Amino acid sequence: MTVPNITLNNGTTIPQLGFGVFQVPPAETAAVTAQALEAGYRHIDTAQMYRNEAGVGEAIRASGLPREEVYVTSKLNNGFHRPDDARRAFDESMERLGLDRIDLFLIHWPLPTRYDGDYVSTWRTLASFVEDGRAVSVGVSNFEPAHLERIIGETGVVPSVNQVEVHPYFANEAVRAASHEHGIAVEAWSPIAQGAVLDDDVITRIAAAHGKTPSQVTLRWHVERGDIVFPKTTHVERMRENLDIFDFSLTPDEVAAISALDRGEDGRRGPHPDTMDWIPED
């Protein structure tokens, strides 16, 4: 089984399927990530706000895998948007991960109602991490079209990816289209809507036709639309199941049927990026 790579707009590549460690307890992260690496995952998605970067780094070191074979993403804590804070936080991420470079580093949320609405200086700071060689690529997460237009217009630097909520009940097509217009790859978080889509009649019918699970069909839908996806699970059998999506294809009609499940804003499960302003306590 080989996971396809997506070529980013800076010419680097990223595995299209990865493993997310959101909500994995820090004490369990090293063991869970080690299981994912053993199962075949080579793309690990963490974040400063998950508080489990150290466990990811421990698992990578213990795996014995060459560094260049493991793609690591992390994200800037909402409390560290000021340039000096962002630089310090990035240094601390590298230390916790035990890496001399991070493959992809993202602004986790734009927070337009915080920091006097200035997420442009935050973006400019992230771009400097590529310039000094400590980040291979930088991008954003949860950026709406207007947010993208602003940072690109004011800095001239185009994000490599935009990681946003996408699943069959919330296809987020306007954000996907705006990202693609700038050559920005889309990463889908909450790809199965926290399990909400797995009982859907359309998805279960398609899954039965292919001899696959509803989760596998949903992940395949993401992949066929070109998005990067990283389901999260702590169960080894589910990890393997989620990887087993490259031996079948959906028909165009099946892709369209799943896309038709979109409920627009009613399907959104996470906060809206225009109003999200949460900053975690230390």
C-alpha atoms as a PDB file:
ATOM      1  CA  MET A   1       0.000   0.000   0.000  1.00  0.00           C
ATOM      2  CA  THR A   2       1.420   3.355  -1.053  1.00  0.00           C
ATOM      3  CA  VAL A   3      -0.238   6.613  -0.046  1.00  0.00           C
ATOM      4  CA  PRO A   4      -0.233   9.100  -2.937  1.00  0.00           C
ATOM      5  CA  ASN A   5       1.635  12.378  -2.579  1.00  0.00           C
ATOM      6  CA  ILE A   6       0.197  15.804  -3.303  1.00  0.00           C
ATOM      7  CA  THR A   7       2.575  18.358  -4.798  1.00  0.00           C
ATOM      8  CA  LEU A   8       2.318  21.699  -3.028  1.00  0.00           C
ATOM      9  CA  ASN A   9       2.720  25.094  -4.663  1.00  0.00           C
ATOM     10  CA  ASN A  10       6.362  25.332  -3.556  1.00  0.00           C
ATOM     11  CA  GLY A  11       7.256  22.087  -5.333  1.00  0.00           C
ATOM     12  CA  THR A  12       7.450  19.941  -2.194  1.00  0.00           C
ATOM     13  CA  THR A  13       5.195  16.945  -1.622  1.00  0.00           C
ATOM     14  CA  ILE A  14       2.934  15.830   1.220  1.00  0.00           C
ATOM     15  CA  PRO A  15       1.281  12.419   1.762  1.00  0.00           C
ATOM     16  CA  GLN A  16      -2.417  12.716   0.934  1.00  0.00           C
ATOM     17  CA  LEU A  17      -3.452  10.546   3.881  1.00  0.00           C
ATOM     18  CA  GLY A  18      -2.035  11.172   7.317  1.00  0.00           C
ATOM     19  CA  PHE A  19      -2.662  10.497  10.982  1.00  0.00           C
ATOM     20  CA  GLY A  20      -4.121  13.165  13.275  1.00  0.00           C
ATOM     21  CA  VAL A  21      -3.439  13.277  17.021  1.00  0.00           C
ATOM     22  CA  PHE A  22      -6.129  15.807  17.987  1.00  0.00           C
ATOM     23  CA  GLN A  23      -7.528  14.862  21.434  1.00  0.00           C
ATOM     24  CA  VAL A  24      -4.984  12.090  21.939  1.00  0.00           C
ATOM     25  CA  PRO A  25      -3.905  12.501  25.594  1.00  0.00           C
ATOM     26  CA  PRO A  26      -0.269  13.620  25.848  1.00  0.00           C
ATOM     27  CA  ALA A  27       0.647  10.595  27.973  1.00  0.00           C
ATOM     28  CA  GLU A  28      -0.674   8.252  25.278  1.00  0.00           C
ATOM     29  CA  THR A  29       0.574  10.095  22.195  1.00  0.00           C
ATOM     30  CA  ALA A  30       3.948   8.371  21.840  1.00  0.00           C
ATOM     31  CA  ALA A  31       2.377   4.907  21.946  1.00  0.00           C
ATOM     32  CA  VAL A  32      -0.510   5.792  19.633  1.00  0.00           C
ATOM     33  CA  THR A  33       1.762   7.534  17.121  1.00  0.00           C
ATOM     34  CA  ALA A  34       4.151   4.579  17.204  1.00  0.00           C
ATOM     35  CA  GLN A  35       1.242   2.290  16.301  1.00  0.00           C
ATOM     36  CA  ALA A  36       0.296   4.596  13.424  1.00  0.00           C
ATOM     37  CA  LEU A  37       3.838   4.623  12.080  1.00  0.00           C
ATOM     38  CA  GLU A  38       3.994   0.841  12.354  1.00  0.00           C
ATOM     39  CA  ALA A  39       0.692   0.580  10.485  1.00  0.00           C
ATOM     40  CA  GLY A  40       2.197   2.564   7.603  1.00  0.00           C
ATOM     41  CA  TYR A  41       1.343   6.232   8.214  1.00  0.00           C
ATOM     42  CA  ARG A  42       4.090   8.668   7.230  1.00  0.00           C
ATOM     43  CA  HIS A  43       2.281  11.960   7.811  1.00  0.00           C
ATOM     44  CA  ILE A  44       1.564  13.042  11.401  1.00  0.00           C
ATOM     45  CA  ASP A  45      -0.569  16.110  12.165  1.00  0.00           C
ATOM     46  CA  THR A  46      -0.223  17.704  15.593  1.00  0.00           C
ATOM     47  CA  ALA A  47      -0.495  21.217  17.047  1.00  0.00           C
ATOM     48  CA  GLN A  48       0.774  23.280  19.938  1.00  0.00           C
ATOM     49  CA  MET A  49      -2.750  23.450  21.363  1.00  0.00           C
ATOM     50  CA  TYR A  50      -3.003  19.635  21.388  1.00  0.00           C
ATOM     51  CA  ARG A  51      -0.157  19.622  23.938  1.00  0.00           C
ATOM     52  CA  ASN A  52       1.194  16.358  22.546  1.00  0.00           C
ATOM     53  CA  GLU A  53       4.037  17.385  20.228  1.00  0.00           C
ATOM     54  CA  ALA A  54       6.598  15.751  22.544  1.00  0.00           C
ATOM     55  CA  GLY A  55       4.891  12.377  22.194  1.00  0.00           C
ATOM     56  CA  VAL A  56       4.921  12.662  18.412  1.00  0.00           C
ATOM     57  CA  GLY A  57       8.630  13.400  18.433  1.00  0.00           C
ATOM     58  CA  GLU A  58       9.328  10.535  20.803  1.00  0.00           C
ATOM     59  CA  ALA A  59       7.498   8.086  18.538  1.00  0.00           C
ATOM     60  CA  ILE A  60       9.344   9.270  15.446  1.00  0.00           C
ATOM     61  CA  ARG A  61      12.732   8.871  17.121  1.00  0.00           C
ATOM     62  CA  ALA A  62      11.826   5.425  18.462  1.00  0.00           C
ATOM     63  CA  SER A  63      10.518   4.244  15.081  1.00  0.00           C
ATOM     64  CA  GLY A  64      13.954   4.087  13.501  1.00  0.00           C
ATOM     65  CA  LEU A  65      12.487   5.569  10.331  1.00  0.00           C
ATOM     66  CA  PRO A  66      14.664   8.008   8.382  1.00  0.00           C
ATOM     67  CA  ARG A  67      13.614  11.573   9.134  1.00  0.00           C
ATOM     68  CA  GLU A  68      12.880  12.276   5.472  1.00  0.00           C
ATOM     69  CA  GLU A  69      10.277   9.492   5.423  1.00  0.00           C
ATOM     70  CA  VAL A  70       8.047  11.087   8.077  1.00  0.00           C
ATOM     71  CA  TYR A  71       6.108  14.277   7.311  1.00  0.00           C
ATOM     72  CA  VAL A  72       5.322  16.353  10.404  1.00  0.00           C
ATOM     73  CA  THR A  73       2.781  19.162  10.665  1.00  0.00           C
ATOM     74  CA  SER A  74       2.232  21.418  13.668  1.00  0.00           C
ATOM     75  CA  LYS A  75       0.259  24.600  14.252  1.00  0.00           C
ATOM     76  CA  LEU A  76       0.650  27.876  16.100  1.00  0.00           C
ATOM     77  CA  ASN A  77      -1.169  28.249  19.411  1.00  0.00           C
ATOM     78  CA  ASN A  78      -3.896  30.917  19.356  1.00  0.00           C
ATOM     79  CA  GLY A  79      -2.178  32.714  22.215  1.00  0.00           C
ATOM     80  CA  PHE A  80       1.029  33.329  20.295  1.00  0.00           C
ATOM     81  CA  HIS A  81       0.079  35.424  17.265  1.00  0.00           C
ATOM     82  CA  ARG A  82       2.332  38.386  18.055  1.00  0.00           C
ATOM     83  CA  PRO A  83       5.521  38.014  15.982  1.00  0.00           C
ATOM     84  CA  ASP A  84       7.897  37.646  18.940  1.00  0.00           C
ATOM     85  CA  ASP A  85       5.540  35.142  20.579  1.00  0.00           C
ATOM     86  CA  ALA A  86       5.192  33.211  17.312  1.00  0.00           C
ATOM     87  CA  ARG A  87       8.965  32.958  16.928  1.00  0.00           C
ATOM     88  CA  ARG A  88       9.380  31.735  20.499  1.00  0.00           C
ATOM     89  CA  ALA A  89       6.516  29.255  20.132  1.00  0.00           C
ATOM     90  CA  PHE A  90       7.982  27.856  16.923  1.00  0.00           C
ATOM     91  CA  ASP A  91      11.330  27.332  18.650  1.00  0.00           C
ATOM     92  CA  GLU A  92       9.532  25.497  21.460  1.00  0.00           C
ATOM     93  CA  SER A  93       7.657  23.280  18.980  1.00  0.00           C
ATOM     94  CA  MET A  94      10.939  22.261  17.385  1.00  0.00           C
ATOM     95  CA  GLU A  95      12.366  21.492  20.826  1.00  0.00           C
ATOM     96  CA  ARG A  96       9.361  19.435  21.904  1.00  0.00           C
ATOM     97  CA  LEU A  97       9.326  17.532  18.629  1.00  0.00           C
ATOM     98  CA  GLY A  98      13.092  17.092  18.745  1.00  0.00           C
ATOM     99  CA  LEU A  99      13.404  18.096  15.096  1.00  0.00           C
ATOM    100  CA  ASP A 100      15.731  20.446  13.255  1.00  0.00           C
ATOM    101  CA  ARG A 101      12.977  21.303  10.799  1.00  0.00           C
ATOM    102  CA  ILE A 102       9.179  21.088  10.641  1.00  0.00           C
ATOM    103  CA  ASP A 103       7.730  19.991   7.322  1.00  0.00           C
ATOM    104  CA  LEU A 104       4.598  22.127   7.602  1.00  0.00           C
ATOM    105  CA  PHE A 105       3.690  24.808  10.142  1.00  0.00           C
ATOM    106  CA  LEU A 106       0.272  26.469  10.163  1.00  0.00           C
ATOM    107  CA  ILE A 107      -1.540  29.385  11.760  1.00  0.00           C
ATOM    108  CA  HIS A 108      -4.186  27.372  13.605  1.00  0.00           C
ATOM    109  CA  TRP A 109      -6.974  30.020  13.460  1.00  0.00           C
ATOM    110  CA  PRO A 110      -7.036  33.537  11.969  1.00  0.00           C
ATOM    111  CA  LEU A 111      -8.671  35.082  15.086  1.00  0.00           C
ATOM    112  CA  PRO A 112      -9.870  38.217  13.249  1.00  0.00           C
ATOM    113  CA  THR A 113     -11.480  39.605  16.419  1.00  0.00           C
ATOM    114  CA  ARG A 114      -8.213  39.352  18.367  1.00  0.00           C
ATOM    115  CA  TYR A 115      -4.847  41.123  18.075  1.00  0.00           C
ATOM    116  CA  ASP A 116      -6.502  44.209  16.551  1.00  0.00           C
ATOM    117  CA  GLY A 117      -7.446  42.006  13.601  1.00  0.00           C
ATOM    118  CA  ASP A 118      -3.792  41.584  12.645  1.00  0.00           C
ATOM    119  CA  TYR A 119      -3.100  38.068  11.433  1.00  0.00           C
ATOM    120  CA  VAL A 120      -0.962  39.430   8.571  1.00  0.00           C
ATOM    121  CA  SER A 121       2.092  40.010  10.759  1.00  0.00           C
ATOM    122  CA  THR A 122       1.624  36.495  12.111  1.00  0.00           C
ATOM    123  CA  TRP A 123       1.656  35.145   8.569  1.00  0.00           C
ATOM    124  CA  ARG A 124       4.712  37.195   7.676  1.00  0.00           C
ATOM    125  CA  THR A 125       6.478  35.695  10.697  1.00  0.00           C
ATOM    126  CA  LEU A 126       5.658  32.144   9.610  1.00  0.00           C
ATOM    127  CA  ALA A 127       7.037  32.886   6.151  1.00  0.00           C
ATOM    128  CA  SER A 128      10.367  33.772   7.778  1.00  0.00           C
ATOM    129  CA  PHE A 129      10.632  30.204   9.103  1.00  0.00           C
ATOM    130  CA  VAL A 130      10.843  28.975   5.518  1.00  0.00           C
ATOM    131  CA  GLU A 131      13.387  31.641   4.669  1.00  0.00           C
ATOM    132  CA  ASP A 132      15.699  30.492   7.472  1.00  0.00           C
ATOM    133  CA  GLY A 133      15.224  26.810   6.557  1.00  0.00           C
ATOM    134  CA  ARG A 134      13.544  25.619   9.744  1.00  0.00           C
ATOM    135  CA  ALA A 135      10.171  25.053   8.065  1.00  0.00           C
ATOM    136  CA  VAL A 136       9.862  23.368   4.701  1.00  0.00           C
ATOM    137  CA  SER A 137       6.386  24.786   4.082  1.00  0.00           C
ATOM    138  CA  VAL A 138       3.979  27.072   5.905  1.00  0.00           C
ATOM    139  CA  GLY A 139       0.252  27.431   5.611  1.00  0.00           C
ATOM    140  CA  VAL A 140      -2.934  28.311   7.386  1.00  0.00           C
ATOM    141  CA  SER A 141      -5.866  26.589   8.997  1.00  0.00           C
ATOM    142  CA  ASN A 142      -9.497  27.701   9.122  1.00  0.00           C
ATOM    143  CA  PHE A 143      -8.920  30.679   6.822  1.00  0.00           C
ATOM    144  CA  GLU A 144     -11.942  31.983   4.963  1.00  0.00           C
ATOM    145  CA  PRO A 145     -11.619  33.449   1.419  1.00  0.00           C
ATOM    146  CA  ALA A 146     -11.321  37.014   2.734  1.00  0.00           C
ATOM    147  CA  HIS A 147      -8.566  35.961   5.136  1.00  0.00           C
ATOM    148  CA  LEU A 148      -6.633  34.353   2.287  1.00  0.00           C
ATOM    149  CA  GLU A 149      -7.013  37.374   0.047  1.00  0.00           C
ATOM    150  CA  ARG A 150      -5.736  39.667   2.764  1.00  0.00           C
ATOM    151  CA  ILE A 151      -2.561  37.786   3.698  1.00  0.00           C
ATOM    152  CA  ILE A 152      -1.640  37.131   0.074  1.00  0.00           C
ATOM    153  CA  GLY A 153      -2.410  40.685  -0.961  1.00  0.00           C
ATOM    154  CA  GLU A 154      -0.401  42.264   1.871  1.00  0.00           C
ATOM    155  CA  THR A 155       2.597  39.908   1.882  1.00  0.00           C
ATOM    156  CA  GLY A 156       2.760  38.315  -1.560  1.00  0.00           C
ATOM    157  CA  VAL A 157       3.298  34.956   0.157  1.00  0.00           C
ATOM    158  CA  VAL A 158       0.815  32.220  -0.753  1.00  0.00           C
ATOM    159  CA  PRO A 159       0.127  29.509   1.849  1.00  0.00           C
ATOM    160  CA  SER A 160       0.986  25.971   0.824  1.00  0.00           C
ATOM    161  CA  VAL A 161      -2.148  24.557   2.452  1.00  0.00           C
ATOM    162  CA  ASN A 162      -5.387  25.622   4.098  1.00  0.00           C
ATOM    163  CA  GLN A 163      -6.600  23.107   6.663  1.00  0.00           C
ATOM    164  CA  VAL A 164     -10.351  23.504   7.123  1.00  0.00           C
ATOM    165  CA  GLU A 165     -13.420  21.612   8.239  1.00  0.00           C
ATOM    166  CA  VAL A 166     -14.647  19.468   5.330  1.00  0.00           C
ATOM    167  CA  HIS A 167     -16.926  16.436   5.338  1.00  0.00           C
ATOM    168  CA  PRO A 168     -19.998  15.275   3.393  1.00  0.00           C
ATOM    169  CA  TYR A 169     -22.370  17.314   5.564  1.00  0.00           C
ATOM    170  CA  PHE A 170     -20.202  20.445   5.270  1.00  0.00           C
ATOM    171  CA  ALA A 171     -18.373  20.464   1.952  1.00  0.00           C
ATOM    172  CA  ASN A 172     -17.087  24.031   2.522  1.00  0.00           C
ATOM    173  CA  GLU A 173     -16.959  24.563  -1.225  1.00  0.00           C
ATOM    174  CA  ALA A 174     -16.434  28.333  -1.195  1.00  0.00           C
ATOM    175  CA  VAL A 175     -13.288  27.967   0.900  1.00  0.00           C
ATOM    176  CA  ARG A 176     -12.060  25.035  -1.169  1.00  0.00           C
ATOM    177  CA  ALA A 177     -12.591  27.019  -4.386  1.00  0.00           C
ATOM    178  CA  ALA A 178     -10.846  30.121  -3.028  1.00  0.00           C
ATOM    179  CA  SER A 179      -7.917  27.996  -1.898  1.00  0.00           C
ATOM    180  CA  HIS A 180      -7.626  26.254  -5.246  1.00  0.00           C
ATOM    181  CA  GLU A 181      -7.731  29.578  -7.108  1.00  0.00           C
ATOM    182  CA  HIS A 182      -4.445  30.452  -5.394  1.00  0.00           C
ATOM    183  CA  GLY A 183      -2.933  26.995  -5.850  1.00  0.00           C
ATOM    184  CA  ILE A 184      -3.376  26.227  -2.148  1.00  0.00           C
ATOM    185  CA  ALA A 185      -3.901  22.575  -1.250  1.00  0.00           C
ATOM    186  CA  VAL A 186      -6.892  21.817   0.975  1.00  0.00           C
ATOM    187  CA  GLU A 187      -6.597  19.645   4.049  1.00  0.00           C
ATOM    188  CA  ALA A 188      -9.836  18.331   5.545  1.00  0.00           C
ATOM    189  CA  TRP A 189     -10.237  18.166   9.294  1.00  0.00           C
ATOM    190  CA  SER A 190     -13.150  16.276  10.874  1.00  0.00           C
ATOM    191  CA  PRO A 191     -13.364  14.250   7.627  1.00  0.00           C
ATOM    192  CA  ILE A 192     -16.139  11.944   8.848  1.00  0.00           C
ATOM    193  CA  ALA A 193     -17.923  14.668  10.858  1.00  0.00           C
ATOM    194  CA  GLN A 194     -16.865  13.025  14.117  1.00  0.00           C
ATOM    195  CA  GLY A 195     -18.666   9.889  12.978  1.00  0.00           C
ATOM    196  CA  ALA A 196     -21.956  11.602  12.130  1.00  0.00           C
ATOM    197  CA  VAL A 197     -21.904  10.554   8.465  1.00  0.00           C
ATOM    198  CA  LEU A 198     -21.235   6.875   9.095  1.00  0.00           C
ATOM    199  CA  ASP A 199     -24.911   5.976   9.446  1.00  0.00           C
ATOM    200  CA  ASP A 200     -25.995   7.978   6.425  1.00  0.00           C
ATOM    201  CA  ASP A 201     -28.087   5.886   4.029  1.00  0.00           C
ATOM    202  CA  VAL A 202     -26.278   7.144   0.923  1.00  0.00           C
ATOM    203  CA  ILE A 203     -22.852   6.379   2.339  1.00  0.00           C
ATOM    204  CA  THR A 204     -23.797   2.991   3.778  1.00  0.00           C
ATOM    205  CA  ARG A 205     -25.346   1.977   0.440  1.00  0.00           C
ATOM    206  CA  ILE A 206     -22.199   2.930  -1.473  1.00  0.00           C
ATOM    207  CA  ALA A 207     -20.040   1.179   1.121  1.00  0.00           C
ATOM    208  CA  ALA A 208     -22.025  -2.048   0.734  1.00  0.00           C
ATOM    209  CA  ALA A 209     -21.637  -1.878  -3.053  1.00  0.00           C
ATOM    210  CA  HIS A 210     -17.842  -1.768  -2.708  1.00  0.00           C
ATOM    211  CA  GLY A 211     -17.462  -4.124   0.227  1.00  0.00           C
ATOM    212  CA  LYS A 212     -15.965  -1.278   2.251  1.00  0.00           C
ATOM    213  CA  THR A 213     -16.903   0.490   5.467  1.00  0.00           C
ATOM    214  CA  PRO A 214     -18.699   3.862   5.518  1.00  0.00           C
ATOM    215  CA  SER A 215     -15.532   5.425   6.921  1.00  0.00           C
ATOM    216  CA  GLN A 216     -13.436   4.065   4.052  1.00  0.00           C
ATOM    217  CA  VAL A 217     -15.934   5.341   1.481  1.00  0.00           C
ATOM    218  CA  THR A 218     -16.014   8.787   3.090  1.00  0.00           C
ATOM    219  CA  LEU A 219     -12.218   9.017   3.149  1.00  0.00           C
ATOM    220  CA  ARG A 220     -12.123   7.847  -0.458  1.00  0.00           C
ATOM    221  CA  TRP A 221     -14.559  10.648  -1.354  1.00  0.00           C
ATOM    222  CA  HIS A 222     -12.101  13.157   0.116  1.00  0.00           C
ATOM    223  CA  VAL A 223      -9.165  11.635  -1.727  1.00  0.00           C
ATOM    224  CA  GLU A 224     -10.941  11.578  -5.081  1.00  0.00           C
ATOM    225  CA  ARG A 225     -11.784  15.267  -4.684  1.00  0.00           C
ATOM    226  CA  GLY A 226      -8.082  15.970  -4.190  1.00  0.00           C
ATOM    227  CA  ASP A 227      -8.067  16.924  -0.521  1.00  0.00           C
ATOM    228  CA  ILE A 228      -5.478  15.845   2.045  1.00  0.00           C
ATOM    229  CA  VAL A 229      -7.047  14.000   4.934  1.00  0.00           C
ATOM    230  CA  PHE A 230      -5.871  12.689   8.316  1.00  0.00           C
ATOM    231  CA  PRO A 231      -8.446  10.728  10.307  1.00  0.00           C
ATOM    232  CA  LYS A 232      -7.841  10.315  14.016  1.00  0.00           C
ATOM    233  CA  THR A 233      -8.269   7.064  15.918  1.00  0.00           C
ATOM    234  CA  THR A 234      -6.524   5.359  18.803  1.00  0.00           C
ATOM    235  CA  HIS A 235      -7.494   1.859  17.665  1.00  0.00           C
ATOM    236  CA  VAL A 236      -4.946  -0.067  15.588  1.00  0.00           C
ATOM    237  CA  GLU A 237      -7.559  -1.930  13.562  1.00  0.00           C
ATOM    238  CA  ARG A 238      -9.191   1.380  12.611  1.00  0.00           C
ATOM    239  CA  MET A 239      -5.819   2.853  11.693  1.00  0.00           C
ATOM    240  CA  ARG A 240      -5.301   0.002   9.241  1.00  0.00           C
ATOM    241  CA  GLU A 241      -8.853   0.287   7.950  1.00  0.00           C
ATOM    242  CA  ASN A 242      -8.406   3.991   7.230  1.00  0.00           C
ATOM    243  CA  LEU A 243      -5.255   3.267   5.235  1.00  0.00           C
ATOM    244  CA  ASP A 244      -7.018   0.640   3.135  1.00  0.00           C
ATOM    245  CA  ILE A 245      -8.707   3.024   0.707  1.00  0.00           C
ATOM    246  CA  PHE A 246      -6.433   2.869  -2.307  1.00  0.00           C
ATOM    247  CA  ASP A 247      -7.629  -0.393  -3.858  1.00  0.00           C
ATOM    248  CA  PHE A 248     -10.997   0.908  -5.050  1.00  0.00           C
ATOM    249  CA  SER A 249     -12.531   3.967  -6.664  1.00  0.00           C
ATOM    250  CA  LEU A 250     -15.898   5.668  -6.478  1.00  0.00           C
ATOM    251  CA  THR A 251     -17.841   6.327  -9.643  1.00  0.00           C
ATOM    252  CA  PRO A 252     -18.518   9.948 -10.594  1.00  0.00           C
ATOM    253  CA  ASP A 253     -22.165   9.380  -9.668  1.00  0.00           C
ATOM    254  CA  GLU A 254     -21.154   8.092  -6.236  1.00  0.00           C
ATOM    255  CA  VAL A 255     -18.909  11.074  -5.619  1.00  0.00           C
ATOM    256  CA  ALA A 256     -21.762  13.365  -6.673  1.00  0.00           C
ATOM    257  CA  ALA A 257     -24.246  11.547  -4.425  1.00  0.00           C
ATOM    258  CA  ILE A 258     -22.013  12.015  -1.393  1.00  0.00           C
ATOM    259  CA  SER A 259     -21.340  15.649  -2.312  1.00  0.00           C
ATOM    260  CA  ALA A 260     -25.102  16.212  -2.495  1.00  0.00           C
ATOM    261  CA  LEU A 261     -25.323  15.499   1.251  1.00  0.00           C
ATOM    262  CA  ASP A 262     -23.862  18.953   1.897  1.00  0.00           C
ATOM    263  CA  ARG A 263     -26.015  20.936   4.353  1.00  0.00           C
ATOM    264  CA  GLY A 264     -24.140  24.200   4.047  1.00  0.00           C
ATOM    265  CA  GLU A 265     -23.683  26.121   7.290  1.00  0.00           C
ATOM    266  CA  ASP A 266     -26.174  23.817   9.002  1.00  0.00           C
ATOM    267  CA  GLY A 267     -23.630  21.034   8.602  1.00  0.00           C
ATOM    268  CA  ARG A 268     -20.738  22.892  10.230  1.00  0.00           C
ATOM    269  CA  ARG A 269     -19.669  21.191  13.463  1.00  0.00           C
ATOM    270  CA  GLY A 270     -16.811  23.426  14.559  1.00  0.00           C
ATOM    271  CA  PRO A 271     -16.716  27.182  15.230  1.00  0.00           C
ATOM    272  CA  HIS A 272     -16.909  29.699  12.418  1.00  0.00           C
ATOM    273  CA  PRO A 273     -13.497  31.222  11.658  1.00  0.00           C
ATOM    274  CA  ASP A 274     -14.923  34.750  11.536  1.00  0.00           C
ATOM    275  CA  THR A 275     -15.987  34.574  15.185  1.00  0.00           C
ATOM    276  CA  MET A 276     -13.688  31.958  16.714  1.00  0.00           C
ATOM    277  CA  ASP A 277     -11.642  33.822  19.373  1.00  0.00           C
ATOM    278  CA  TRP A 278     -10.740  31.193  21.977  1.00  0.00           C
ATOM    279  CA  ILE A 279      -7.288  31.344  23.504  1.00  0.00           C
ATOM    280  CA  PRO A 280      -6.332  28.415  25.732  1.00  0.00           C
ATOM    281  CA  GLU A 281      -5.161  29.002  29.281  1.00  0.00           C
ATOM    282  CA  ASP A 282      -1.504  28.246  29.938  1.00  0.00           C
END
